[in-house]
């Protein structure tokens, strides 16, 4: 039997992880919302790539040297869908990583990934969000690379500023919100964006109906005056 051809996108490195995308519903929802919000925020910038829960390979030919950040942003590389991320082909690794952490993953997030992001990838900013408040106090923590070493990011009015993103990260219960200091409010979640779009459509339809009625009334009056 002939071996089926690999799809055109296959680059020789696996895509599957075999682990659930989130430890709980809350972890999964935070992860997916963050990816969606960041993608919409950078949708007009073709050289900003946003992804998450994707294998990032960092040693050519070695399929075991890989990591799957929950959420990551890379500036200066084209924005298109990938089966995985090969650092040597892209020319650089992530600039920002956000891990949705818990007591179960604390060793991996605070030791293994911390070391990997700091010393191997040299990720400029690394954030951890403990959705359930299992072990981090405060539950949102951030680090910025300075002279090759991670230094804690100080909170400003309860928010952690990201110099790379130009956004502030803020805990809201079990949610992690992104705040744009240039405009003021939080960036909308997918649910909020959909709700706002529906409300805008309803307002537009109501305005069209109002104008239609005004035109009808005007035509009626003009016909009566003849």
N, C-alpha and C. Protein backbone atom coordinates (compact mmCIF):
# COMPACT_ATOMS: atom_id res chain seq x y z
N UNK A 1 0.84 -1.20 0.00
CA UNK A 1 0.00 0.00 0.00
C UNK A 1 0.88 1.24 0.00
N UNK A 2 0.48 2.21 -0.83
CA UNK A 2 1.25 3.43 -0.92
C UNK A 2 1.05 4.28 0.32
N UNK A 3 2.15 4.84 0.80
CA UNK A 3 2.05 5.76 1.93
C UNK A 3 1.43 7.08 1.44
N UNK A 4 0.38 7.56 2.16
CA UNK A 4 -0.24 8.82 1.73
C UNK A 4 0.74 9.97 1.82
N UNK A 5 0.63 10.88 0.87
CA UNK A 5 1.50 12.04 0.88
C UNK A 5 1.20 12.93 2.07
N UNK A 6 2.26 13.55 2.59
CA UNK A 6 2.07 14.52 3.65
C UNK A 6 1.39 15.76 3.08
N UNK A 7 0.53 16.38 3.86
CA UNK A 7 -0.09 17.62 3.37
C UNK A 7 0.97 18.70 3.12
N UNK A 8 0.61 19.66 2.29
CA UNK A 8 1.58 20.69 1.91
C UNK A 8 2.12 21.46 3.11
N UNK A 9 1.30 21.60 4.15
CA UNK A 9 1.73 22.39 5.29
C UNK A 9 2.67 21.62 6.23
N UNK A 10 2.78 20.32 6.06
CA UNK A 10 3.58 19.52 7.00
C UNK A 10 5.07 19.85 6.84
N UNK A 11 5.73 20.16 7.95
CA UNK A 11 7.14 20.55 7.90
C UNK A 11 8.06 19.57 8.63
N UNK A 12 7.53 18.39 8.98
CA UNK A 12 8.36 17.39 9.62
C UNK A 12 8.33 17.42 11.13
N UNK A 13 7.60 18.39 11.71
CA UNK A 13 7.54 18.51 13.16
C UNK A 13 6.09 18.33 13.62
N UNK A 14 5.86 17.50 14.64
CA UNK A 14 4.50 17.20 15.08
C UNK A 14 3.71 18.43 15.49
N UNK A 15 2.39 18.32 15.39
CA UNK A 15 1.51 19.42 15.77
C UNK A 15 0.69 19.11 17.01
N UNK A 16 0.45 17.84 17.31
CA UNK A 16 -0.41 17.47 18.43
C UNK A 16 0.33 17.44 19.75
N UNK A 17 -0.41 17.76 20.85
CA UNK A 17 0.22 17.75 22.16
C UNK A 17 -0.27 16.64 23.06
N UNK A 18 -1.51 16.19 22.83
CA UNK A 18 -2.04 15.11 23.65
C UNK A 18 -2.54 15.52 25.02
N UNK A 19 -2.48 16.83 25.33
CA UNK A 19 -2.97 17.32 26.62
C UNK A 19 -4.19 18.20 26.40
N UNK A 20 -5.07 18.29 27.41
CA UNK A 20 -6.22 19.18 27.26
C UNK A 20 -5.77 20.63 27.14
N UNK A 21 -6.59 21.44 26.45
CA UNK A 21 -6.21 22.83 26.20
C UNK A 21 -6.25 23.67 27.47
N UNK A 22 -7.04 23.26 28.45
CA UNK A 22 -7.09 23.98 29.71
C UNK A 22 -7.40 23.04 30.85
N UNK A 23 -6.87 23.35 32.03
CA UNK A 23 -7.08 22.46 33.17
C UNK A 23 -8.54 22.44 33.61
N UNK A 24 -9.21 23.59 33.53
CA UNK A 24 -10.63 23.69 33.86
C UNK A 24 -11.31 24.54 32.79
N UNK A 25 -12.64 24.64 32.87
CA UNK A 25 -13.36 25.52 31.95
C UNK A 25 -12.83 26.95 32.04
N UNK A 26 -12.53 27.39 33.27
CA UNK A 26 -12.06 28.77 33.46
C UNK A 26 -10.70 28.99 32.79
N UNK A 27 -9.80 28.02 32.98
CA UNK A 27 -8.47 28.13 32.36
C UNK A 27 -8.59 28.19 30.84
N UNK A 28 -9.41 27.29 30.29
CA UNK A 28 -9.58 27.26 28.83
C UNK A 28 -10.17 28.56 28.30
N UNK A 29 -11.21 29.06 29.00
CA UNK A 29 -11.88 30.27 28.53
C UNK A 29 -10.95 31.47 28.56
N UNK A 30 -10.15 31.60 29.63
CA UNK A 30 -9.20 32.71 29.71
C UNK A 30 -8.20 32.63 28.58
N UNK A 31 -7.68 31.44 28.33
CA UNK A 31 -6.69 31.23 27.27
C UNK A 31 -7.26 31.63 25.90
N UNK A 32 -8.43 31.10 25.56
CA UNK A 32 -9.02 31.37 24.25
C UNK A 32 -9.42 32.83 24.10
N UNK A 33 -9.95 33.42 25.17
CA UNK A 33 -10.34 34.83 25.10
C UNK A 33 -9.13 35.73 24.87
N UNK A 34 -8.03 35.44 25.56
CA UNK A 34 -6.82 36.25 25.40
C UNK A 34 -6.30 36.20 23.96
N UNK A 35 -6.28 35.01 23.40
CA UNK A 35 -5.81 34.87 22.01
C UNK A 35 -6.70 35.68 21.07
N UNK A 36 -8.02 35.56 21.27
CA UNK A 36 -8.96 36.28 20.41
C UNK A 36 -8.80 37.79 20.55
N UNK A 37 -8.71 38.28 21.78
CA UNK A 37 -8.60 39.72 22.02
C UNK A 37 -7.32 40.27 21.40
N UNK A 38 -6.21 39.57 21.59
CA UNK A 38 -4.94 40.03 21.03
C UNK A 38 -4.94 39.97 19.51
N UNK A 39 -5.55 38.95 18.94
CA UNK A 39 -5.62 38.87 17.47
C UNK A 39 -6.41 40.04 16.91
N UNK A 40 -7.52 40.39 17.55
CA UNK A 40 -8.30 41.53 17.07
C UNK A 40 -7.55 42.84 17.27
N UNK A 41 -6.80 42.94 18.36
CA UNK A 41 -6.04 44.17 18.64
C UNK A 41 -4.97 44.40 17.58
N UNK A 42 -4.36 43.32 17.10
CA UNK A 42 -3.26 43.44 16.12
C UNK A 42 -3.69 43.09 14.70
N UNK A 43 -4.99 43.02 14.44
CA UNK A 43 -5.46 42.53 13.14
C UNK A 43 -5.00 43.38 11.96
N UNK A 44 -4.70 44.65 12.20
CA UNK A 44 -4.25 45.52 11.11
C UNK A 44 -2.73 45.63 11.02
N UNK A 45 -2.03 44.82 11.80
CA UNK A 45 -0.57 44.85 11.78
C UNK A 45 -0.06 43.52 11.23
N UNK A 46 0.35 43.48 9.97
CA UNK A 46 0.72 42.22 9.31
C UNK A 46 1.99 41.59 9.85
N UNK A 47 2.77 42.33 10.64
CA UNK A 47 4.01 41.78 11.17
C UNK A 47 3.93 41.57 12.68
N UNK A 48 2.76 41.19 13.14
CA UNK A 48 2.59 40.77 14.54
C UNK A 48 1.83 39.45 14.53
N UNK A 49 2.43 38.42 15.10
CA UNK A 49 1.84 37.08 15.12
C UNK A 49 1.37 36.76 16.52
N UNK A 50 0.10 36.40 16.66
CA UNK A 50 -0.48 36.03 17.94
C UNK A 50 -0.93 34.58 17.87
N UNK A 51 -0.57 33.79 18.88
CA UNK A 51 -0.98 32.40 18.89
C UNK A 51 -0.98 31.88 20.33
N UNK A 52 -1.26 30.60 20.45
CA UNK A 52 -1.25 29.97 21.76
C UNK A 52 -1.53 28.49 21.65
N UNK A 53 -1.05 27.75 22.65
CA UNK A 53 -1.20 26.29 22.68
C UNK A 53 -0.72 25.68 21.37
N UNK A 54 0.42 26.17 20.92
CA UNK A 54 1.04 25.73 19.67
C UNK A 54 2.46 25.31 19.98
N UNK A 55 2.90 24.19 19.41
CA UNK A 55 4.27 23.77 19.65
C UNK A 55 5.26 24.76 19.04
N UNK A 56 6.19 25.19 19.88
CA UNK A 56 7.29 26.05 19.44
C UNK A 56 8.57 25.22 19.53
N UNK A 57 9.18 24.96 18.38
CA UNK A 57 10.42 24.17 18.33
C UNK A 57 11.61 25.11 18.24
N UNK A 58 12.67 24.78 18.98
CA UNK A 58 13.78 25.73 19.04
C UNK A 58 15.16 25.13 18.76
N UNK A 59 15.22 23.83 18.44
CA UNK A 59 16.48 23.21 18.04
C UNK A 59 16.25 22.47 16.72
N UNK A 60 16.87 22.89 15.62
CA UNK A 60 16.64 22.24 14.33
C UNK A 60 16.92 20.74 14.39
N UNK A 61 15.95 19.95 13.90
CA UNK A 61 16.12 18.50 13.85
C UNK A 61 15.74 17.77 15.11
N UNK A 62 15.50 18.51 16.20
CA UNK A 62 15.16 17.87 17.48
C UNK A 62 13.69 18.11 17.80
N UNK A 63 12.89 17.06 17.65
CA UNK A 63 11.45 17.19 17.88
C UNK A 63 11.07 17.25 19.35
N UNK A 64 12.02 16.95 20.22
CA UNK A 64 11.72 16.95 21.66
C UNK A 64 12.00 18.29 22.31
N UNK A 65 12.76 19.13 21.62
CA UNK A 65 13.04 20.47 22.16
C UNK A 65 11.92 21.40 21.71
N UNK A 66 10.88 21.43 22.53
CA UNK A 66 9.70 22.19 22.17
C UNK A 66 8.97 22.63 23.43
N UNK A 67 8.13 23.65 23.27
CA UNK A 67 7.31 24.14 24.37
C UNK A 67 6.02 24.69 23.76
N UNK A 68 4.93 24.60 24.51
CA UNK A 68 3.64 25.11 24.03
C UNK A 68 3.15 26.20 24.97
N UNK A 69 3.56 27.45 24.74
CA UNK A 69 3.05 28.54 25.59
C UNK A 69 1.54 28.66 25.47
N UNK A 70 0.88 29.02 26.56
CA UNK A 70 -0.57 29.18 26.51
C UNK A 70 -0.95 30.30 25.53
N UNK A 71 -0.30 31.43 25.67
CA UNK A 71 -0.53 32.58 24.78
C UNK A 71 0.83 33.21 24.50
N UNK A 72 1.09 33.54 23.23
CA UNK A 72 2.34 34.24 22.95
C UNK A 72 2.18 35.19 21.77
N UNK A 73 3.02 36.22 21.77
CA UNK A 73 3.01 37.24 20.73
C UNK A 73 4.43 37.42 20.21
N UNK A 74 4.55 37.46 18.88
CA UNK A 74 5.85 37.67 18.24
C UNK A 74 5.73 38.88 17.33
N UNK A 75 6.58 39.86 17.54
CA UNK A 75 6.59 41.04 16.68
C UNK A 75 7.69 40.91 15.64
N UNK A 76 7.37 41.32 14.41
CA UNK A 76 8.37 41.31 13.35
C UNK A 76 8.34 40.07 12.48
N UNK A 77 7.33 39.22 12.65
CA UNK A 77 7.17 38.06 11.77
C UNK A 77 5.77 38.13 11.15
N UNK A 78 5.59 37.56 9.96
CA UNK A 78 4.30 37.67 9.27
C UNK A 78 3.16 37.01 10.05
N UNK A 79 2.00 37.61 9.94
CA UNK A 79 0.81 37.12 10.61
C UNK A 79 0.03 36.19 9.69
N UNK A 80 0.25 34.89 9.82
CA UNK A 80 -0.54 33.89 9.09
C UNK A 80 -0.57 32.62 9.92
N UNK A 81 -1.52 31.74 9.62
CA UNK A 81 -1.67 30.51 10.39
C UNK A 81 -0.53 29.55 10.11
N UNK A 82 -0.09 28.86 11.16
CA UNK A 82 1.02 27.91 11.07
C UNK A 82 0.63 26.58 11.72
N UNK A 83 1.24 25.47 11.29
CA UNK A 83 1.01 24.20 11.97
C UNK A 83 1.77 24.13 13.29
N UNK A 84 2.87 24.83 13.36
CA UNK A 84 3.71 24.95 14.55
C UNK A 84 4.65 26.13 14.29
N UNK A 85 5.53 26.40 15.25
CA UNK A 85 6.41 27.56 15.12
C UNK A 85 7.86 27.09 15.24
N UNK A 86 8.62 27.27 14.17
CA UNK A 86 10.03 26.88 14.14
C UNK A 86 10.89 28.12 14.29
N UNK A 87 11.53 28.25 15.44
CA UNK A 87 12.25 29.48 15.77
C UNK A 87 13.33 29.79 14.75
N UNK A 88 14.08 28.78 14.31
CA UNK A 88 15.20 29.04 13.39
C UNK A 88 14.72 29.49 12.02
N UNK A 89 13.51 29.11 11.64
CA UNK A 89 12.98 29.55 10.35
C UNK A 89 12.38 30.95 10.45
N UNK A 90 11.74 31.24 11.58
CA UNK A 90 11.13 32.55 11.76
C UNK A 90 12.16 33.63 12.06
N UNK A 91 13.30 33.21 12.62
CA UNK A 91 14.35 34.18 12.93
C UNK A 91 14.31 34.72 14.34
N UNK A 92 13.29 34.36 15.11
CA UNK A 92 13.19 34.82 16.49
C UNK A 92 12.10 34.04 17.21
N UNK A 93 12.13 34.11 18.54
CA UNK A 93 11.11 33.46 19.35
C UNK A 93 10.09 34.47 19.84
N UNK A 94 9.21 34.07 20.75
CA UNK A 94 8.17 34.96 21.27
C UNK A 94 8.76 36.18 21.99
N UNK A 95 8.04 37.29 21.88
CA UNK A 95 8.41 38.51 22.61
C UNK A 95 7.67 38.59 23.94
N UNK A 96 6.47 38.04 23.97
CA UNK A 96 5.65 38.02 25.19
C UNK A 96 5.01 36.65 25.32
N UNK A 97 5.02 36.11 26.54
CA UNK A 97 4.34 34.85 26.83
C UNK A 97 3.43 35.05 28.05
N UNK A 98 2.22 34.51 27.96
CA UNK A 98 1.30 34.51 29.10
C UNK A 98 0.93 33.07 29.39
N UNK A 99 1.22 32.61 30.60
CA UNK A 99 0.85 31.26 31.01
C UNK A 99 -0.34 31.33 31.97
N UNK A 100 -1.37 30.52 31.68
CA UNK A 100 -2.53 30.41 32.57
C UNK A 100 -2.20 29.28 33.54
N UNK A 101 -1.74 29.64 34.70
CA UNK A 101 -1.09 28.69 35.60
C UNK A 101 -2.01 28.20 36.71
N UNK A 102 -1.54 27.17 37.42
CA UNK A 102 -2.29 26.61 38.54
C UNK A 102 -1.30 25.88 39.45
N UNK A 103 -1.79 25.42 40.58
CA UNK A 103 -0.92 24.68 41.50
C UNK A 103 -0.36 23.43 40.81
N UNK A 104 -1.15 22.84 39.93
CA UNK A 104 -0.72 21.62 39.24
C UNK A 104 0.44 21.89 38.29
N UNK A 105 0.47 23.08 37.69
CA UNK A 105 1.52 23.38 36.70
C UNK A 105 2.57 24.34 37.26
N UNK A 106 2.54 24.62 38.54
CA UNK A 106 3.40 25.64 39.11
C UNK A 106 4.89 25.35 38.89
N UNK A 107 5.32 24.07 39.05
CA UNK A 107 6.74 23.77 38.87
C UNK A 107 7.16 24.00 37.42
N UNK A 108 6.32 23.58 36.49
CA UNK A 108 6.65 23.78 35.08
C UNK A 108 6.69 25.26 34.73
N UNK A 109 5.71 26.03 35.24
CA UNK A 109 5.61 27.44 34.88
C UNK A 109 6.66 28.31 35.58
N UNK A 110 6.95 28.00 36.85
CA UNK A 110 7.86 28.84 37.62
C UNK A 110 9.31 28.39 37.58
N UNK A 111 9.54 27.16 37.12
CA UNK A 111 10.91 26.66 37.08
C UNK A 111 11.33 26.34 35.65
N UNK A 112 10.70 25.35 35.05
CA UNK A 112 11.13 24.90 33.72
C UNK A 112 10.91 25.98 32.66
N UNK A 113 9.69 26.46 32.56
CA UNK A 113 9.41 27.46 31.54
C UNK A 113 10.07 28.80 31.86
N UNK A 114 10.13 29.12 33.12
CA UNK A 114 10.80 30.35 33.54
C UNK A 114 12.24 30.36 33.03
N UNK A 115 12.95 29.26 33.26
CA UNK A 115 14.33 29.14 32.82
C UNK A 115 14.43 29.15 31.29
N UNK A 116 13.52 28.44 30.63
CA UNK A 116 13.53 28.35 29.18
C UNK A 116 13.27 29.72 28.54
N UNK A 117 12.26 30.42 29.03
CA UNK A 117 11.92 31.71 28.46
C UNK A 117 13.00 32.76 28.74
N UNK A 118 13.61 32.66 29.91
CA UNK A 118 14.63 33.64 30.27
C UNK A 118 15.96 33.38 29.56
N UNK A 119 16.41 32.15 29.58
CA UNK A 119 17.77 31.86 29.14
C UNK A 119 17.90 31.34 27.71
N UNK A 120 16.90 30.64 27.23
CA UNK A 120 16.97 30.10 25.87
C UNK A 120 16.29 31.01 24.86
N UNK A 121 15.04 31.35 25.13
CA UNK A 121 14.28 32.20 24.20
C UNK A 121 14.54 33.69 24.42
N UNK A 122 14.90 34.02 25.66
CA UNK A 122 15.04 35.43 26.04
C UNK A 122 13.75 36.21 25.71
N UNK A 123 12.65 35.66 26.15
CA UNK A 123 11.35 36.31 26.00
C UNK A 123 11.37 37.62 26.79
N UNK A 124 11.00 38.71 26.15
CA UNK A 124 11.13 40.02 26.78
C UNK A 124 10.24 40.17 28.01
N UNK A 125 9.02 39.61 27.94
CA UNK A 125 8.10 39.72 29.07
C UNK A 125 7.38 38.39 29.27
N UNK A 126 7.28 37.98 30.53
CA UNK A 126 6.64 36.71 30.88
C UNK A 126 5.62 36.98 31.98
N UNK A 127 4.35 36.63 31.71
CA UNK A 127 3.27 36.84 32.67
C UNK A 127 2.67 35.50 33.06
N UNK A 128 2.26 35.40 34.32
CA UNK A 128 1.56 34.22 34.83
C UNK A 128 0.27 34.67 35.49
N UNK A 129 -0.82 33.97 35.16
CA UNK A 129 -2.11 34.27 35.77
C UNK A 129 -2.66 33.00 36.40
N UNK A 130 -2.81 33.04 37.72
CA UNK A 130 -3.36 31.92 38.49
C UNK A 130 -4.87 32.13 38.60
N UNK A 131 -5.61 31.52 37.69
CA UNK A 131 -7.05 31.77 37.55
C UNK A 131 -7.79 31.56 38.87
N UNK A 132 -7.51 30.46 39.56
CA UNK A 132 -8.24 30.11 40.78
C UNK A 132 -7.56 30.63 42.05
N UNK A 133 -6.43 31.32 41.89
CA UNK A 133 -5.71 31.79 43.07
C UNK A 133 -5.18 30.65 43.91
N UNK A 134 -4.74 29.57 43.25
CA UNK A 134 -4.29 28.37 43.95
C UNK A 134 -2.99 28.60 44.73
N UNK A 135 -2.09 29.39 44.17
CA UNK A 135 -0.78 29.49 44.82
C UNK A 135 -0.10 30.84 44.64
N UNK A 136 -0.41 31.57 43.58
CA UNK A 136 0.24 32.86 43.37
C UNK A 136 -0.44 33.95 44.19
N UNK A 137 0.34 34.78 44.85
CA UNK A 137 -0.19 35.89 45.61
C UNK A 137 0.69 37.12 45.34
N UNK A 138 0.20 38.06 44.55
CA UNK A 138 -1.12 38.13 43.92
C UNK A 138 -1.23 37.14 42.76
N UNK A 139 -2.45 36.83 42.31
CA UNK A 139 -2.65 35.80 41.28
C UNK A 139 -2.10 36.17 39.91
N UNK A 140 -1.81 37.45 39.69
CA UNK A 140 -1.23 37.89 38.42
C UNK A 140 0.17 38.39 38.69
N UNK A 141 1.13 37.82 37.95
CA UNK A 141 2.54 38.17 38.15
C UNK A 141 3.21 38.35 36.79
N UNK A 142 4.15 39.29 36.71
CA UNK A 142 4.84 39.53 35.45
C UNK A 142 6.32 39.78 35.66
N UNK A 143 7.09 39.43 34.61
CA UNK A 143 8.54 39.63 34.65
C UNK A 143 9.00 40.27 33.34
N UNK A 144 9.99 41.13 33.45
CA UNK A 144 10.57 41.78 32.27
C UNK A 144 12.07 41.48 32.24
N UNK A 145 12.56 41.15 31.06
CA UNK A 145 13.97 40.78 30.91
C UNK A 145 14.84 42.04 30.95
N UNK A 146 15.80 42.05 31.88
CA UNK A 146 16.73 43.16 32.00
C UNK A 146 18.14 42.59 32.16
N UNK A 147 18.96 42.89 31.17
CA UNK A 147 20.34 42.37 31.16
C UNK A 147 20.35 40.84 31.29
N UNK A 148 19.40 40.20 30.61
CA UNK A 148 19.36 38.74 30.57
C UNK A 148 18.72 38.08 31.77
N UNK A 149 18.18 38.87 32.69
CA UNK A 149 17.58 38.30 33.91
C UNK A 149 16.17 38.86 34.09
N UNK A 150 15.23 38.00 34.48
CA UNK A 150 13.87 38.46 34.71
C UNK A 150 13.76 39.25 36.01
N UNK A 151 13.15 40.42 35.90
CA UNK A 151 12.86 41.25 37.06
C UNK A 151 11.35 41.43 37.16
N UNK A 152 10.81 41.39 38.40
CA UNK A 152 9.36 41.55 38.56
C UNK A 152 8.86 42.88 38.00
N UNK A 153 7.69 42.85 37.37
CA UNK A 153 7.05 44.06 36.87
C UNK A 153 6.17 44.63 37.96
N UNK A 154 6.35 45.90 38.26
CA UNK A 154 5.56 46.54 39.30
C UNK A 154 4.17 46.89 38.79
N UNK A 155 3.17 46.67 39.65
CA UNK A 155 1.80 47.00 39.29
C UNK A 155 1.60 48.50 39.32
N UNK A 156 0.79 48.99 38.41
CA UNK A 156 0.42 50.40 38.35
C UNK A 156 -1.11 50.46 38.43
N UNK A 157 -1.60 50.99 39.56
CA UNK A 157 -3.06 51.05 39.79
C UNK A 157 -3.70 49.67 39.63
N UNK A 158 -3.01 48.65 40.16
CA UNK A 158 -3.56 47.30 40.13
C UNK A 158 -3.37 46.57 38.82
N UNK A 159 -2.68 47.18 37.87
CA UNK A 159 -2.46 46.57 36.56
C UNK A 159 -0.97 46.38 36.33
N UNK A 160 -0.64 45.34 35.53
CA UNK A 160 0.75 45.11 35.15
C UNK A 160 0.97 45.64 33.73
N UNK A 161 1.81 46.67 33.57
CA UNK A 161 2.04 47.22 32.24
C UNK A 161 2.97 46.36 31.41
N UNK A 162 2.60 46.14 30.16
CA UNK A 162 3.47 45.44 29.21
C UNK A 162 4.02 46.47 28.24
N UNK A 163 5.33 46.68 28.29
CA UNK A 163 5.96 47.62 27.37
C UNK A 163 5.92 47.10 25.94
N UNK A 164 6.00 45.80 25.78
CA UNK A 164 6.02 45.21 24.43
C UNK A 164 4.65 45.33 23.78
N UNK A 165 3.60 45.00 24.51
CA UNK A 165 2.25 45.02 23.96
C UNK A 165 1.67 46.43 23.91
N UNK A 166 2.15 47.31 24.80
CA UNK A 166 1.53 48.62 24.92
C UNK A 166 0.19 48.53 25.61
N UNK A 167 -0.01 47.45 26.37
CA UNK A 167 -1.26 47.21 27.09
C UNK A 167 -0.97 46.93 28.55
N UNK A 168 -2.01 47.03 29.38
CA UNK A 168 -1.90 46.65 30.78
C UNK A 168 -2.73 45.39 31.03
N UNK A 169 -2.21 44.50 31.84
CA UNK A 169 -2.92 43.28 32.20
C UNK A 169 -3.54 43.46 33.58
N UNK A 170 -4.80 43.04 33.72
CA UNK A 170 -5.52 43.25 34.97
C UNK A 170 -6.40 42.06 35.29
N UNK A 171 -6.37 41.63 36.53
CA UNK A 171 -7.23 40.54 36.97
C UNK A 171 -8.63 41.06 37.24
N UNK A 172 -9.63 40.31 36.77
CA UNK A 172 -11.03 40.61 37.04
C UNK A 172 -11.71 39.31 37.42
N UNK A 173 -11.63 38.96 38.70
CA UNK A 173 -12.15 37.67 39.15
C UNK A 173 -11.36 36.54 38.51
N UNK A 174 -12.05 35.68 37.80
CA UNK A 174 -11.39 34.57 37.11
C UNK A 174 -11.02 34.94 35.67
N UNK A 175 -11.14 36.20 35.33
CA UNK A 175 -10.78 36.65 34.00
C UNK A 175 -9.48 37.46 34.04
N UNK A 176 -8.80 37.46 32.91
CA UNK A 176 -7.62 38.30 32.75
C UNK A 176 -7.95 39.28 31.63
N UNK A 177 -8.03 40.56 31.99
CA UNK A 177 -8.43 41.58 31.03
C UNK A 177 -7.22 42.37 30.55
N UNK A 178 -7.34 42.89 29.34
CA UNK A 178 -6.30 43.73 28.75
C UNK A 178 -6.83 45.14 28.65
N UNK A 179 -6.06 46.07 29.16
CA UNK A 179 -6.46 47.48 29.22
C UNK A 179 -5.57 48.30 28.32
N UNK A 180 -6.19 49.11 27.48
CA UNK A 180 -5.44 49.98 26.57
C UNK A 180 -5.35 51.37 27.22
N UNK A 181 -4.17 51.75 27.74
CA UNK A 181 -4.06 53.04 28.43
C UNK A 181 -4.29 54.24 27.52
N UNK A 182 -4.18 54.04 26.20
CA UNK A 182 -4.37 55.16 25.27
C UNK A 182 -5.85 55.46 25.03
N UNK A 183 -6.71 54.48 25.26
CA UNK A 183 -8.14 54.69 25.03
C UNK A 183 -8.96 54.61 26.30
N UNK A 184 -8.47 53.92 27.31
CA UNK A 184 -9.17 53.88 28.59
C UNK A 184 -9.77 52.54 28.96
N UNK A 185 -10.77 52.06 28.23
CA UNK A 185 -11.46 50.85 28.69
C UNK A 185 -10.70 49.57 28.37
N UNK A 186 -11.20 48.47 28.97
CA UNK A 186 -10.68 47.15 28.63
C UNK A 186 -10.96 46.85 27.17
N UNK A 187 -10.09 46.07 26.57
CA UNK A 187 -10.38 45.56 25.24
C UNK A 187 -11.51 44.54 25.38
N UNK A 188 -12.48 44.56 24.48
CA UNK A 188 -13.65 43.67 24.65
C UNK A 188 -13.30 42.21 24.44
N UNK A 189 -13.92 41.36 25.24
CA UNK A 189 -13.82 39.92 25.03
C UNK A 189 -14.62 39.56 23.78
N UNK A 190 -14.48 38.33 23.26
CA UNK A 190 -15.28 37.94 22.10
C UNK A 190 -16.78 38.10 22.34
N UNK A 191 -17.23 37.77 23.55
CA UNK A 191 -18.65 37.88 23.86
C UNK A 191 -19.09 39.34 23.87
N UNK A 192 -18.26 40.20 24.46
CA UNK A 192 -18.59 41.63 24.49
C UNK A 192 -18.56 42.23 23.10
N UNK A 193 -17.57 41.85 22.30
CA UNK A 193 -17.47 42.38 20.94
C UNK A 193 -18.71 42.00 20.12
N UNK A 194 -19.17 40.77 20.28
CA UNK A 194 -20.37 40.33 19.56
C UNK A 194 -21.60 41.10 20.04
N UNK A 195 -21.69 41.27 21.35
CA UNK A 195 -22.83 41.99 21.92
C UNK A 195 -22.84 43.44 21.43
N UNK A 196 -21.68 44.08 21.42
CA UNK A 196 -21.60 45.47 20.96
C UNK A 196 -21.95 45.56 19.48
N UNK A 197 -21.50 44.58 18.69
CA UNK A 197 -21.80 44.60 17.25
C UNK A 197 -23.30 44.46 17.03
N UNK A 198 -23.94 43.58 17.82
CA UNK A 198 -25.39 43.39 17.70
C UNK A 198 -26.14 44.66 18.11
N UNK A 199 -25.66 45.31 19.18
CA UNK A 199 -26.29 46.54 19.62
C UNK A 199 -26.14 47.64 18.58
N UNK A 200 -24.94 47.72 17.96
CA UNK A 200 -24.71 48.72 16.93
C UNK A 200 -25.62 48.47 15.72
N UNK A 201 -25.81 47.21 15.37
CA UNK A 201 -26.69 46.87 14.26
C UNK A 201 -28.13 47.24 14.57
N UNK A 202 -28.54 46.97 15.81
CA UNK A 202 -29.91 47.32 16.22
C UNK A 202 -30.12 48.83 16.17
N UNK A 203 -29.10 49.59 16.62
CA UNK A 203 -29.22 51.06 16.56
C UNK A 203 -29.30 51.54 15.12
N UNK A 204 -28.48 50.93 14.25
CA UNK A 204 -28.50 51.31 12.83
C UNK A 204 -29.85 51.00 12.20
N UNK A 205 -30.39 49.82 12.51
CA UNK A 205 -31.70 49.45 11.96
C UNK A 205 -32.80 50.36 12.48
N UNK A 206 -32.69 50.74 13.76
CA UNK A 206 -33.69 51.66 14.33
C UNK A 206 -33.60 53.02 13.66
N UNK A 207 -32.39 53.48 13.35
CA UNK A 207 -32.22 54.77 12.67
C UNK A 207 -32.77 54.72 11.26
N UNK A 208 -32.55 53.61 10.55
CA UNK A 208 -33.10 53.45 9.21
C UNK A 208 -34.63 53.49 9.26
N UNK A 209 -35.20 52.82 10.25
CA UNK A 209 -36.65 52.81 10.40
C UNK A 209 -37.19 54.20 10.72
N UNK A 210 -36.47 54.94 11.56
CA UNK A 210 -36.90 56.30 11.90
C UNK A 210 -36.90 57.20 10.66
N UNK A 211 -35.83 57.09 9.86
CA UNK A 211 -35.74 57.89 8.64
C UNK A 211 -36.84 57.51 7.64
N UNK A 212 -37.15 56.20 7.57
CA UNK A 212 -38.19 55.75 6.66
C UNK A 212 -39.53 56.36 7.05
N UNK A 213 -39.82 56.36 8.35
CA UNK A 213 -41.09 56.92 8.81
C UNK A 213 -41.14 58.42 8.58
N UNK A 214 -40.01 59.10 8.79
CA UNK A 214 -39.98 60.54 8.54
C UNK A 214 -40.24 60.84 7.07
N UNK A 215 -39.65 60.06 6.18
CA UNK A 215 -39.84 60.26 4.75
C UNK A 215 -41.30 60.01 4.35
N UNK A 216 -41.87 58.97 4.94
CA UNK A 216 -43.26 58.67 4.65
C UNK A 216 -44.17 59.81 5.12
N UNK A 217 -43.88 60.34 6.30
CA UNK A 217 -44.68 61.44 6.82
C UNK A 217 -44.52 62.68 5.96
N UNK A 218 -43.29 62.92 5.51
CA UNK A 218 -43.05 64.08 4.64
C UNK A 218 -43.79 63.95 3.32
N UNK A 219 -43.75 62.75 2.73
CA UNK A 219 -44.46 62.54 1.48
C UNK A 219 -45.98 62.70 1.66
N UNK A 220 -46.47 62.22 2.81
CA UNK A 220 -47.91 62.36 3.08
C UNK A 220 -48.33 63.82 3.17
N UNK A 221 -47.52 64.62 3.88
CA UNK A 221 -47.84 66.04 4.02
C UNK A 221 -47.78 66.76 2.68
N UNK A 222 -46.76 66.40 1.87
CA UNK A 222 -46.62 67.05 0.57
C UNK A 222 -47.80 66.72 -0.34
N UNK A 223 -48.29 65.50 -0.26
CA UNK A 223 -49.43 65.11 -1.08
C UNK A 223 -50.72 65.81 -0.64
N UNK A 224 -50.83 66.06 0.69
CA UNK A 224 -52.01 66.74 1.20
C UNK A 224 -52.03 68.21 0.82
N UNK A 225 -50.81 68.80 0.66
CA UNK A 225 -50.72 70.23 0.32
C UNK A 225 -51.00 70.49 -1.15
N UNK A 226 -50.98 69.48 -1.98
CA UNK A 226 -51.21 69.68 -3.42
C UNK A 226 -52.67 69.96 -3.70
